């Protein structure tokens, strides 16, 4: 069975990778779908995010990375995926993801599996990583080494 782990991954964190690894243990193939949304203000552009995600999952068998634009249900149909896997950190995540799961299921029958975040990464978010990095903090404990390097390069380029 093929599953999709969608997100913006701006940037990808160890929490994201934990969910992808665990999904890989449950499903034959996992597609990490890197979202493209022109209304969002990203730290990294789509190509940069895809590149970092690909490098971060390169050692995971059965995992590949694709760009997601448009409706998730259409992407899943085109990829032959039957399941969406989402990570949950807090009750607010559950409330939002349950609504999305219901609408996706009503549109196409797409199922959603909600995996609780591991205790180690339960409070980690890309937003927090971006905020800490923007204030000059060290985010290397929260993201893969390549991602930490790219964040540092971007910070140095901005002055």
Protein backbone atom coordinates (compact mmCIF):
# COMPACT_ATOMS: atom_id res chain seq x y z
CA UNK A 1 0.00 0.00 0.00
CA UNK A 2 1.24 3.47 -0.89
CA UNK A 3 0.96 6.38 1.56
CA UNK A 4 1.55 10.12 1.26
CA UNK A 5 3.10 12.32 3.96
CA UNK A 6 2.25 15.88 2.88
CA UNK A 7 3.61 19.11 4.27
CA UNK A 8 5.45 22.30 3.48
CA UNK A 9 8.67 21.07 5.10
CA UNK A 10 9.99 24.61 5.45
CA UNK A 11 12.36 23.30 6.68
CA UNK A 12 12.16 19.56 7.23
CA UNK A 13 12.81 18.68 10.88
CA UNK A 14 13.72 15.57 12.83
CA UNK A 15 10.06 15.43 13.84
CA UNK A 16 8.99 15.18 10.20
CA UNK A 17 11.61 12.51 9.56
CA UNK A 18 10.39 10.52 12.55
CA UNK A 19 6.87 10.42 11.08
CA UNK A 20 8.20 9.46 7.63
CA UNK A 21 10.33 6.65 9.10
CA UNK A 22 7.41 5.31 11.10
CA UNK A 23 5.12 5.52 8.07
CA UNK A 24 7.76 3.59 6.13
CA UNK A 25 7.46 0.77 8.64
CA UNK A 26 3.69 0.63 8.10
CA UNK A 27 3.40 1.02 4.32
CA UNK A 28 5.14 -0.45 1.27
CA UNK A 29 5.92 2.98 -0.16
CA UNK A 30 5.82 6.49 1.25
CA UNK A 31 5.69 9.60 -0.89
CA UNK A 32 6.77 12.76 0.88
CA UNK A 33 4.70 15.44 -0.84
CA UNK A 34 6.30 18.86 -0.57
CA UNK A 35 3.55 21.46 -0.83
CA UNK A 36 3.69 24.48 -3.08
CA UNK A 37 1.34 27.27 -2.05
CA UNK A 38 1.83 30.70 -3.62
CA UNK A 39 -0.03 32.34 -0.73
CA UNK A 40 2.58 31.19 1.83
CA UNK A 41 5.77 33.07 2.58
CA UNK A 42 8.41 30.34 2.63
CA UNK A 43 11.97 30.56 3.93
CA UNK A 44 13.05 28.19 1.14
CA UNK A 45 11.58 27.95 -2.35
CA UNK A 46 10.01 24.72 -3.60
CA UNK A 47 13.13 23.41 -5.33
CA UNK A 48 15.25 24.06 -2.24
CA UNK A 49 12.76 22.32 0.04
CA UNK A 50 12.47 19.33 -2.30
CA UNK A 51 16.26 19.09 -2.47
CA UNK A 52 16.61 19.15 1.33
CA UNK A 53 13.83 16.61 1.83
CA UNK A 54 15.32 14.27 -0.80
CA UNK A 55 18.72 14.45 0.85
CA UNK A 56 17.15 13.88 4.28
CA UNK A 57 15.24 10.73 3.24
CA UNK A 58 17.85 9.31 0.85
CA UNK A 59 18.70 6.48 3.26
CA UNK A 60 15.07 5.44 3.78
CA UNK A 61 13.99 2.52 1.57
CA UNK A 62 10.64 2.88 -0.15
CA UNK A 63 10.50 6.65 0.35
CA UNK A 64 10.41 9.17 -2.48
CA UNK A 65 9.77 12.89 -2.73
CA UNK A 66 7.39 14.72 -5.07
CA UNK A 67 6.05 18.26 -5.38
CA UNK A 68 2.43 18.73 -4.34
CA UNK A 69 0.35 21.49 -5.86
CA UNK A 70 -3.41 21.59 -5.91
CA UNK A 71 -5.69 19.33 -3.92
CA UNK A 72 -4.12 16.56 -1.87
CA UNK A 73 -6.84 14.13 -2.95
CA UNK A 74 -6.01 14.74 -6.62
CA UNK A 75 -2.30 14.24 -5.92
CA UNK A 76 -3.00 10.98 -4.09
CA UNK A 77 -5.21 9.73 -6.90
CA UNK A 78 -2.52 10.54 -9.50
CA UNK A 79 0.12 8.77 -7.39
CA UNK A 80 -2.07 5.73 -6.69
CA UNK A 81 -1.90 6.40 -2.95
CA UNK A 82 -4.70 5.19 -0.71
CA UNK A 83 -3.63 6.73 2.59
CA UNK A 84 -2.43 10.07 3.95
CA UNK A 85 -0.19 10.00 7.02
CA UNK A 86 -0.07 13.05 9.26
CA UNK A 87 1.79 13.64 12.50
CA UNK A 88 0.05 15.02 15.56
CA UNK A 89 1.68 17.06 18.32
CA UNK A 90 -1.20 18.68 20.17
CA UNK A 91 -4.98 18.54 20.45
CA UNK A 92 -5.20 21.51 18.07
CA UNK A 93 -3.40 19.42 15.43
CA UNK A 94 -5.99 16.69 15.93
CA UNK A 95 -8.89 19.11 15.52
CA UNK A 96 -7.50 20.46 12.24
CA UNK A 97 -6.37 17.09 10.84
CA UNK A 98 -9.70 15.44 11.68
CA UNK A 99 -11.52 18.09 9.65
CA UNK A 100 -9.12 17.54 6.75
CA UNK A 101 -9.48 13.76 7.02
CA UNK A 102 -13.26 14.05 6.88
CA UNK A 103 -13.29 16.32 3.84
CA UNK A 104 -10.68 14.23 2.00
CA UNK A 105 -12.62 11.05 2.70
CA UNK A 106 -15.89 12.60 1.58
CA UNK A 107 -14.28 13.81 -1.67
CA UNK A 108 -12.62 10.56 -2.75
CA UNK A 109 -12.65 7.95 0.02
CA UNK A 110 -9.02 8.75 0.89
CA UNK A 111 -8.12 7.43 4.33
CA UNK A 112 -5.97 9.30 6.86
CA UNK A 113 -3.68 7.78 9.47
CA UNK A 114 -2.75 10.10 12.34
CA UNK A 115 0.52 9.27 14.08
CA UNK A 116 1.31 10.90 17.41
CA UNK A 117 4.65 12.67 17.47
CA UNK A 118 7.39 10.96 19.40
CA UNK A 119 7.94 12.48 22.83
CA UNK A 120 11.36 13.76 21.75
CA UNK A 121 9.91 15.82 18.89
CA UNK A 122 6.39 16.51 20.16
CA UNK A 123 6.85 20.25 20.56
CA UNK A 124 9.03 20.83 17.49
CA UNK A 125 7.71 22.71 14.47
CA UNK A 126 9.20 24.26 11.34
CA UNK A 127 7.79 27.59 12.49
CA UNK A 128 9.77 27.38 15.72
CA UNK A 129 12.92 26.40 13.82
CA UNK A 130 12.52 29.38 11.48
CA UNK A 131 11.93 31.73 14.42
CA UNK A 132 14.95 30.52 16.40
CA UNK A 133 17.13 30.67 13.30
CA UNK A 134 15.94 34.19 12.41
CA UNK A 135 17.05 35.36 15.85
CA UNK A 136 20.50 33.82 15.44
CA UNK A 137 19.91 30.65 17.42
CA UNK A 138 21.45 27.25 16.72
CA UNK A 139 18.86 24.88 15.23
CA UNK A 140 21.22 22.00 14.47
CA UNK A 141 19.64 19.77 17.14
CA UNK A 142 16.27 20.00 15.40
CA UNK A 143 17.08 19.52 11.71
CA UNK A 144 19.38 17.34 9.59
CA UNK A 145 22.93 18.71 9.18
CA UNK A 146 22.37 19.72 5.54
CA UNK A 147 19.29 21.72 6.54
CA UNK A 148 21.17 23.46 9.36
CA UNK A 149 23.88 24.39 6.84
CA UNK A 150 21.33 25.79 4.38
CA UNK A 151 19.66 27.82 7.11
CA UNK A 152 23.04 29.22 8.14
CA UNK A 153 23.87 30.07 4.51
CA UNK A 154 20.54 31.86 4.11
CA UNK A 155 21.06 33.77 7.36
CA UNK A 156 24.59 34.81 6.29
CA UNK A 157 23.32 35.90 2.86
CA UNK A 158 20.74 38.16 4.52
CA UNK A 159 23.39 39.76 6.68
